Amino acid sequence: MKAWQFEALDSLFFRGAKSFNSGEGGFLDSQFPPTAQTMAGVIRAAIAETKGVDWAKFRRGEQPDIAALIGADSDNTGKLRFCGPYICKDGQRLYPIPLHLLYSSKENTWGRLEPSKSELKTDMGDRRLPEVVGTMEGAKPLENAWLNASEFNKVLKGQMPSTYYKEEDLFVAEARTGIGRDNEKRKVNEGMLYFTRHIRLQDGINLAMDVEGAVDVIPSSMLRLGGEGRMANVNVNHAVDSRLRGNDETVDTAMVVLLTHGDFDGKAEPELKGIEIISACVGKAVREGGWDYRHGKPKPLKSLVPAGSVYFVQGEISSLETHIGNRKKFGYGEIAIGTWEG
């Protein structure tokens, strides 16, 4: 497996699933980090380019060797498999703070949520709802915050982190204004003013994704990344084993943390064979669209469970793989397994 590491040379823009039609608000935020589908698309296109792809022939099915390697359509990875994407700081990968953790800025202390002792009937079955361990003023989960591997492993072992990274530690937002143009008439289109929010990564921050199945590919040193075709340097190196470990897999209870967004057919919980979900701390759904390059039309919207969501489970813990849910070959549903005693 190879690690593809992207260093942005300019601001970046990753469009989410929000509608951007005339008269519907005119403002579009940037999604960061991008979804696995977005980063896999960049890499698949780069691999195809190194193989001499002719995209018109490819869409007509006239380059079967390349289609077999990268996948003939946008939902097929071919011979490739991905892990990630990951945010990296000074070469070290960062992971979303699990949503069962609570932080009180007033008391500058951490707490956590654990399943209650009693069950409650819900539309997803009988569940033990999460409850706060202890009391803290103003405590709440931290969204858009990250831990390095060392701090994350503490959490998996039932400890509290000592430091974390906030959004502003990783990037700054930049407001942009644009307008539609008619190049033939050399004038602007009336009513086509729009606004976007780009992000500019701080020094030492980049994006990475692990790729399996293209070990002989050496891409161009610069690629277009995200909306508006902004440039990024790319380096390809051997991937290191960066799996997170915090659980003795011989036990029958565990805490499962999503490291990347999960695709569970629009549901809040995955179906895990031989494992029962006791309780969960799930974040706001991430809406994902995309473009079907084979048929030349937008893809149906999907709702993803966000990275950082936590499931308290019991059962055959040793049967859990590195990814759960759908589109695992794209990198969705990567998990870390932590300690929880039911």
Protein backbone atom coordinates (compact mmCIF):
# COMPACT_ATOMS: atom_id res chain seq x y z
CA MET A 1 0.00 0.00 0.00
CA LYS A 2 1.24 3.49 -0.90
CA ALA A 3 0.54 6.76 0.91
CA TRP A 4 -0.39 9.68 -1.36
CA GLN A 5 0.29 12.96 0.41
CA PHE A 6 -1.10 16.25 -0.95
CA GLU A 7 0.43 19.64 -0.12
CA ALA A 8 -1.83 22.49 -1.24
CA LEU A 9 -0.18 25.32 -3.17
CA ASP A 10 -3.20 27.61 -2.91
CA SER A 11 -6.52 27.77 -1.12
CA LEU A 12 -8.78 24.74 -1.54
CA PHE A 13 -12.49 24.33 -2.14
CA PHE A 14 -14.39 21.08 -1.68
CA ARG A 15 -18.03 21.48 -2.57
CA GLY A 16 -20.59 19.69 -0.42
CA ALA A 17 -24.08 18.57 -1.44
CA LYS A 18 -25.80 21.93 -0.94
CA SER A 19 -27.70 23.26 -3.95
CA PHE A 20 -25.95 26.13 -5.74
CA ASN A 21 -28.58 27.25 -8.25
CA SER A 22 -29.41 30.84 -9.06
CA GLY A 23 -31.76 32.39 -6.52
CA GLU A 24 -31.05 29.78 -3.81
CA GLY A 25 -28.82 31.79 -1.52
CA GLY A 26 -25.65 32.22 -3.52
CA PHE A 27 -23.28 31.07 -0.73
CA LEU A 28 -21.45 27.76 -0.65
CA ASP A 29 -19.23 26.58 2.17
CA SER A 30 -16.25 24.28 1.73
CA GLN A 31 -16.40 20.75 3.11
CA PHE A 32 -13.25 19.83 5.02
CA PRO A 33 -11.85 17.32 5.19
CA PRO A 34 -13.22 16.12 1.83
CA THR A 35 -15.01 12.80 1.60
CA ALA A 36 -13.29 9.59 0.55
CA GLN A 37 -15.12 9.73 -2.78
CA THR A 38 -13.57 13.10 -3.61
CA MET A 39 -10.00 12.10 -2.78
CA ALA A 40 -10.34 8.70 -4.44
CA GLY A 41 -11.56 10.46 -7.59
CA VAL A 42 -8.46 12.67 -7.69
CA ILE A 43 -6.19 9.64 -7.32
CA ARG A 44 -8.06 7.48 -9.83
CA ALA A 45 -7.89 10.26 -12.42
CA ALA A 46 -4.15 10.69 -11.79
CA ILE A 47 -3.55 6.95 -12.19
CA ALA A 48 -5.52 6.93 -15.45
CA GLU A 49 -3.50 9.87 -16.76
CA THR A 50 -0.23 8.03 -16.10
CA LYS A 51 -1.63 5.10 -18.10
CA GLY A 52 -2.35 7.35 -21.08
CA VAL A 53 -6.13 7.53 -20.77
CA ASP A 54 -8.23 9.10 -23.51
CA TRP A 55 -11.32 10.10 -21.52
CA ALA A 56 -13.64 10.12 -24.54
CA LYS A 57 -12.64 6.55 -25.40
CA PHE A 58 -12.78 5.57 -21.74
CA ARG A 59 -16.40 6.70 -21.44
CA ARG A 60 -17.27 4.66 -24.53
CA GLY A 61 -15.72 1.58 -22.94
CA GLU A 62 -12.81 1.44 -25.41
CA GLN A 63 -10.02 1.30 -22.79
CA PRO A 64 -10.87 -1.83 -20.78
CA ASP A 65 -7.41 -2.18 -19.19
CA ILE A 66 -7.63 1.23 -17.55
CA ALA A 67 -11.29 0.66 -16.62
CA ALA A 68 -10.33 -2.62 -14.92
CA LEU A 69 -7.65 -0.81 -12.91
CA ILE A 70 -9.50 2.31 -11.72
CA GLY A 71 -13.11 1.18 -12.15
CA ALA A 72 -15.40 1.75 -15.12
CA ASP A 73 -17.70 4.11 -13.25
CA SER A 74 -17.67 6.46 -10.28
CA ASP A 75 -18.90 3.82 -7.78
CA ASN A 76 -16.38 1.14 -8.75
CA THR A 77 -12.74 1.20 -7.60
CA GLY A 78 -11.57 -1.55 -9.96
CA LYS A 79 -8.40 -3.13 -8.60
CA LEU A 80 -7.79 -0.23 -6.21
CA ARG A 81 -8.51 0.03 -2.50
CA PHE A 82 -8.29 3.20 -0.40
CA CYS A 83 -7.92 4.14 3.25
CA GLY A 84 -8.58 7.67 4.44
CA PRO A 85 -8.61 10.53 3.78
CA TYR A 86 -6.51 11.77 6.67
CA ILE A 87 -5.47 15.22 7.84
CA CYS A 88 -1.75 15.31 8.63
CA LYS A 89 0.18 17.79 10.76
CA ASP A 90 3.96 17.77 10.33
CA GLY A 91 3.72 14.27 8.90
CA GLN A 92 1.58 12.85 11.72
CA ARG A 93 -1.99 11.79 11.08
CA LEU A 94 -4.82 13.39 13.02
CA TYR A 95 -8.11 11.75 13.97
CA PRO A 96 -11.53 13.27 14.81
CA ILE A 97 -12.27 13.55 18.52
CA PRO A 98 -14.77 10.81 19.43
CA LEU A 99 -18.19 12.30 20.09
CA HIS A 100 -18.65 10.54 23.43
CA LEU A 101 -16.04 12.91 24.88
CA LEU A 102 -17.24 16.16 26.46
CA TYR A 103 -15.19 19.27 27.09
CA SER A 104 -16.00 22.12 29.45
CA SER A 105 -14.23 25.32 28.47
CA LYS A 106 -15.41 26.92 31.73
CA GLU A 107 -13.79 24.25 33.88
CA ASN A 108 -11.05 23.32 31.38
CA THR A 109 -11.73 19.66 31.93
CA TRP A 110 -12.90 16.57 30.05
CA GLY A 111 -15.77 14.20 30.69
CA ARG A 112 -17.52 11.50 28.72
CA LEU A 113 -20.80 9.87 27.84
CA GLU A 114 -21.48 6.22 28.62
CA PRO A 115 -24.55 4.03 28.11
CA SER A 116 -27.09 4.32 30.92
CA LYS A 117 -27.97 1.27 32.98
CA SER A 118 -31.62 1.20 31.87
CA GLU A 119 -33.00 0.59 28.38
CA LEU A 120 -35.42 2.77 26.46
CA LYS A 121 -37.55 1.73 23.48
CA THR A 122 -36.56 3.70 20.34
CA ASP A 123 -37.29 3.44 16.62
CA MET A 124 -33.98 1.57 16.34
CA GLY A 125 -34.89 -0.95 19.04
CA ASP A 126 -34.14 -1.04 22.74
CA ARG A 127 -31.20 1.22 23.51
CA ARG A 128 -29.34 2.42 26.58
CA LEU A 129 -29.13 6.15 25.96
CA PRO A 130 -25.80 7.89 26.65
CA GLU A 131 -25.53 9.70 29.95
CA VAL A 132 -22.87 12.01 31.38
CA VAL A 133 -20.36 10.55 33.80
CA GLY A 134 -20.00 13.21 36.51
CA THR A 135 -21.14 16.84 36.30
CA MET A 136 -19.47 19.67 34.41
CA GLU A 137 -20.76 23.12 33.60
CA GLY A 138 -21.15 23.81 29.90
CA ALA A 139 -19.69 20.47 28.80
CA LYS A 140 -20.36 19.45 25.19
CA PRO A 141 -18.84 17.29 22.41
CA LEU A 142 -16.18 18.94 20.26
CA GLU A 143 -17.00 18.90 16.56
CA ASN A 144 -14.35 19.88 14.01
CA ALA A 145 -11.54 19.03 16.43
CA TRP A 146 -8.80 16.44 16.15
CA LEU A 147 -6.29 14.36 18.12
CA ASN A 148 -2.92 12.98 17.15
CA ALA A 149 -2.37 9.21 17.32
CA SER A 150 -0.86 9.30 20.80
CA GLU A 151 -3.77 11.24 22.30
CA PHE A 152 -6.32 9.17 20.38
CA ASN A 153 -4.87 5.95 21.75
CA LYS A 154 -5.33 7.35 25.26
CA VAL A 155 -9.03 7.78 24.55
CA LEU A 156 -9.31 4.24 23.18
CA LYS A 157 -7.87 2.97 26.48
CA GLY A 158 -10.45 4.88 28.53
CA GLN A 159 -8.24 7.88 29.39
CA MET A 160 -8.71 11.58 28.66
CA PRO A 161 -6.65 13.53 26.12
CA SER A 162 -4.29 16.24 27.31
CA THR A 163 -4.29 18.32 24.12
CA TYR A 164 -6.21 18.63 20.87
CA TYR A 165 -6.26 20.62 17.63
CA LYS A 166 -9.01 23.08 16.79
CA GLU A 167 -10.13 24.10 13.33
CA GLU A 168 -8.06 27.28 13.38
CA ASP A 169 -4.93 25.26 14.15
CA LEU A 170 -5.32 23.49 10.81
CA PHE A 171 -6.72 26.04 8.38
CA VAL A 172 -8.20 29.50 7.96
CA ALA A 173 -11.31 30.39 5.98
CA GLU A 174 -11.18 32.79 3.04
CA ALA A 175 -14.31 34.36 1.60
CA ARG A 176 -14.40 34.52 -2.20
CA THR A 177 -16.73 36.34 -4.59
CA GLY A 178 -17.37 35.21 -8.13
CA ILE A 179 -19.60 36.09 -11.05
CA GLY A 180 -20.84 34.17 -14.07
CA ARG A 181 -19.27 35.17 -17.39
CA ASP A 182 -20.33 34.94 -21.01
CA ASN A 183 -16.99 34.50 -22.75
CA GLU A 184 -18.42 34.75 -26.25
CA LYS A 185 -20.01 38.13 -25.55
CA ARG A 186 -17.16 39.14 -23.23
CA LYS A 187 -19.48 40.32 -20.49
CA VAL A 188 -20.86 39.11 -17.17
CA ASN A 189 -24.19 37.33 -16.76
CA GLU A 190 -26.73 39.41 -14.89
CA GLY A 191 -27.78 37.97 -11.51
CA MET A 192 -24.94 35.41 -11.43
CA LEU A 193 -23.05 36.77 -8.42
CA TYR A 194 -22.04 34.06 -5.96
CA PHE A 195 -19.98 33.61 -2.81
CA THR A 196 -17.85 30.71 -1.61
CA ARG A 197 -15.68 29.94 1.38
CA HIS A 198 -12.27 28.53 0.56
CA ILE A 199 -9.86 27.12 3.10
CA ARG A 200 -6.13 27.76 3.32
CA LEU A 201 -4.15 25.10 5.15
CA GLN A 202 -1.75 26.21 7.84
CA ASP A 203 1.96 25.45 7.50
CA GLY A 204 2.68 21.76 8.00
CA ILE A 205 -0.91 20.67 7.28
CA ASN A 206 -1.73 18.43 4.34
CA LEU A 207 -4.06 15.66 3.20
CA ALA A 208 -3.20 11.99 2.74
CA MET A 209 -4.79 8.81 1.49
CA ASP A 210 -3.49 5.24 1.34
CA VAL A 211 -3.83 3.42 -1.97
CA GLU A 212 -3.51 -0.28 -2.73
CA GLY A 213 -3.41 -1.80 -6.20
CA ALA A 214 -1.29 0.75 -8.09
CA VAL A 215 2.20 0.14 -6.74
CA ASP A 216 3.90 0.87 -10.09
CA VAL A 217 2.19 4.24 -10.65
CA ILE A 218 4.31 7.39 -10.39
CA PRO A 219 1.94 10.38 -10.81
CA SER A 220 2.85 13.87 -11.88
CA SER A 221 4.40 15.88 -9.04
CA MET A 222 1.47 18.35 -9.22
CA LEU A 223 -2.24 17.59 -9.45
CA ARG A 224 -5.48 19.56 -9.47
CA LEU A 225 -7.25 19.15 -6.14
CA GLY A 226 -10.85 20.08 -5.37
CA GLY A 227 -13.12 22.65 -6.97
CA GLU A 228 -11.74 25.30 -9.32
CA GLY A 229 -8.77 23.03 -10.07
CA ARG A 230 -6.40 24.42 -7.43
CA MET A 231 -2.93 22.88 -7.55
CA ALA A 232 -1.25 20.65 -5.00
CA ASN A 233 2.07 18.87 -4.78
CA VAL A 234 1.75 15.10 -4.40
CA ASN A 235 4.29 12.70 -2.95
CA VAL A 236 3.85 8.93 -3.03
CA ASN A 237 5.66 6.85 -0.41
CA HIS A 238 5.29 3.50 1.28
CA ALA A 239 2.42 3.56 3.74
CA VAL A 240 3.23 2.85 7.37
CA ASP A 241 1.06 0.80 9.72
CA SER A 242 -0.82 3.53 11.57
CA ARG A 243 -3.64 1.41 13.01
CA LEU A 244 -4.92 2.51 16.37
CA ARG A 245 -5.18 -0.06 19.13
CA GLY A 246 -6.94 0.32 22.45
CA ASN A 247 -8.94 -2.85 22.96
CA ASP A 248 -8.29 -6.44 23.96
CA GLU A 249 -10.21 -8.27 21.23
CA THR A 250 -10.76 -11.30 23.48
CA VAL A 251 -13.40 -9.36 25.46
CA ASP A 252 -17.04 -9.15 24.32
CA THR A 253 -17.64 -5.39 24.74
CA ALA A 254 -16.02 -2.50 22.90
CA MET A 255 -16.29 1.10 21.80
CA VAL A 256 -16.20 1.47 18.01
CA VAL A 257 -15.12 4.89 16.70
CA LEU A 258 -15.52 5.98 13.08
CA LEU A 259 -12.28 7.46 11.71
CA THR A 260 -13.87 8.24 8.33
CA HIS A 261 -17.50 8.89 7.39
CA GLY A 262 -19.69 5.78 7.35
CA ASP A 263 -22.08 4.83 4.54
CA PHE A 264 -24.87 2.80 6.15
CA ASP A 265 -27.63 3.22 3.52
CA GLY A 266 -28.79 6.46 5.12
CA LYS A 267 -29.19 4.85 8.55
CA ALA A 268 -27.57 6.07 11.77
CA GLU A 269 -26.23 2.64 12.67
CA PRO A 270 -24.41 -0.09 10.73
CA GLU A 271 -25.46 -3.73 10.65
CA LEU A 272 -22.71 -5.76 12.30
CA LYS A 273 -22.92 -9.52 12.10
CA GLY A 274 -22.65 -11.16 15.50
CA ILE A 275 -22.53 -7.78 17.28
CA GLU A 276 -25.24 -5.85 19.11
CA ILE A 277 -25.18 -2.06 19.35
CA ILE A 278 -26.00 -1.07 22.94
CA SER A 279 -25.81 2.71 22.57
CA ALA A 280 -24.36 5.35 20.27
CA CYS A 281 -23.13 8.94 20.08
CA VAL A 282 -23.72 9.99 16.47
CA GLY A 283 -22.99 13.39 14.93
CA LYS A 284 -24.91 15.39 12.33
CA ALA A 285 -25.34 13.62 9.01
CA VAL A 286 -22.93 14.57 6.22
CA ARG A 287 -24.69 15.01 2.89
CA GLU A 288 -22.74 13.81 -0.12
CA GLY A 289 -23.44 14.29 -3.82
CA GLY A 290 -21.00 13.87 -6.66
CA TRP A 291 -20.83 13.46 -10.42
CA ASP A 292 -21.44 10.25 -12.36
CA TYR A 293 -18.75 10.59 -15.01
CA ARG A 294 -19.86 7.47 -16.90
CA HIS A 295 -23.41 8.73 -17.50
CA GLY A 296 -22.72 12.47 -17.32
CA LYS A 297 -25.19 13.39 -14.58
CA PRO A 298 -25.26 14.16 -10.83
CA LYS A 299 -25.23 11.24 -8.42
CA PRO A 300 -28.11 10.75 -5.95
CA LEU A 301 -27.53 12.44 -2.58
CA LYS A 302 -26.45 10.23 0.29
CA SER A 303 -26.46 10.76 4.04
CA LEU A 304 -23.27 9.65 5.78
CA VAL A 305 -22.62 9.11 9.47
CA PRO A 306 -19.79 11.55 10.34
CA ALA A 307 -16.31 10.57 11.44
CA GLY A 308 -15.97 10.70 15.22
CA SER A 309 -19.29 8.93 15.85
CA VAL A 310 -19.12 6.25 18.54
CA TYR A 311 -20.93 2.94 18.98
CA PHE A 312 -20.92 0.94 22.22
CA VAL A 313 -21.22 -2.70 21.24
CA GLN A 314 -21.09 -6.23 22.57
CA GLY A 315 -20.62 -9.56 20.84
CA GLU A 316 -17.96 -11.03 18.59
CA ILE A 317 -15.51 -8.12 18.73
CA SER A 318 -12.73 -10.12 17.05
CA SER A 319 -14.92 -10.38 13.91
CA LEU A 320 -14.75 -6.62 13.28
CA GLU A 321 -12.68 -5.66 10.24
CA THR A 322 -10.87 -2.38 9.61
CA HIS A 323 -13.93 -0.92 7.82
CA ILE A 324 -17.69 -1.31 8.24
CA GLY A 325 -20.72 -0.44 6.11
CA ASN A 326 -20.80 0.23 2.36
CA ARG A 327 -18.06 1.39 -0.03
CA LYS A 328 -15.30 0.06 2.20
CA LYS A 329 -12.91 -0.11 -0.77
CA PHE A 330 -13.24 3.68 -1.10
CA GLY A 331 -12.21 4.18 2.54
CA TYR A 332 -15.64 4.77 4.11
CA GLY A 333 -16.34 3.39 7.56
CA GLU A 334 -12.77 2.98 8.84
CA ILE A 335 -12.88 2.21 12.56
CA ALA A 336 -10.78 2.10 15.69
CA ILE A 337 -11.77 -0.18 18.55
CA GLY A 338 -11.55 1.07 22.13
CA THR A 339 -12.26 -0.04 25.64
CA TRP A 340 -15.71 0.00 27.16
CA GLU A 341 -16.93 -2.20 29.96
CA GLY A 342 -20.67 -2.74 29.80
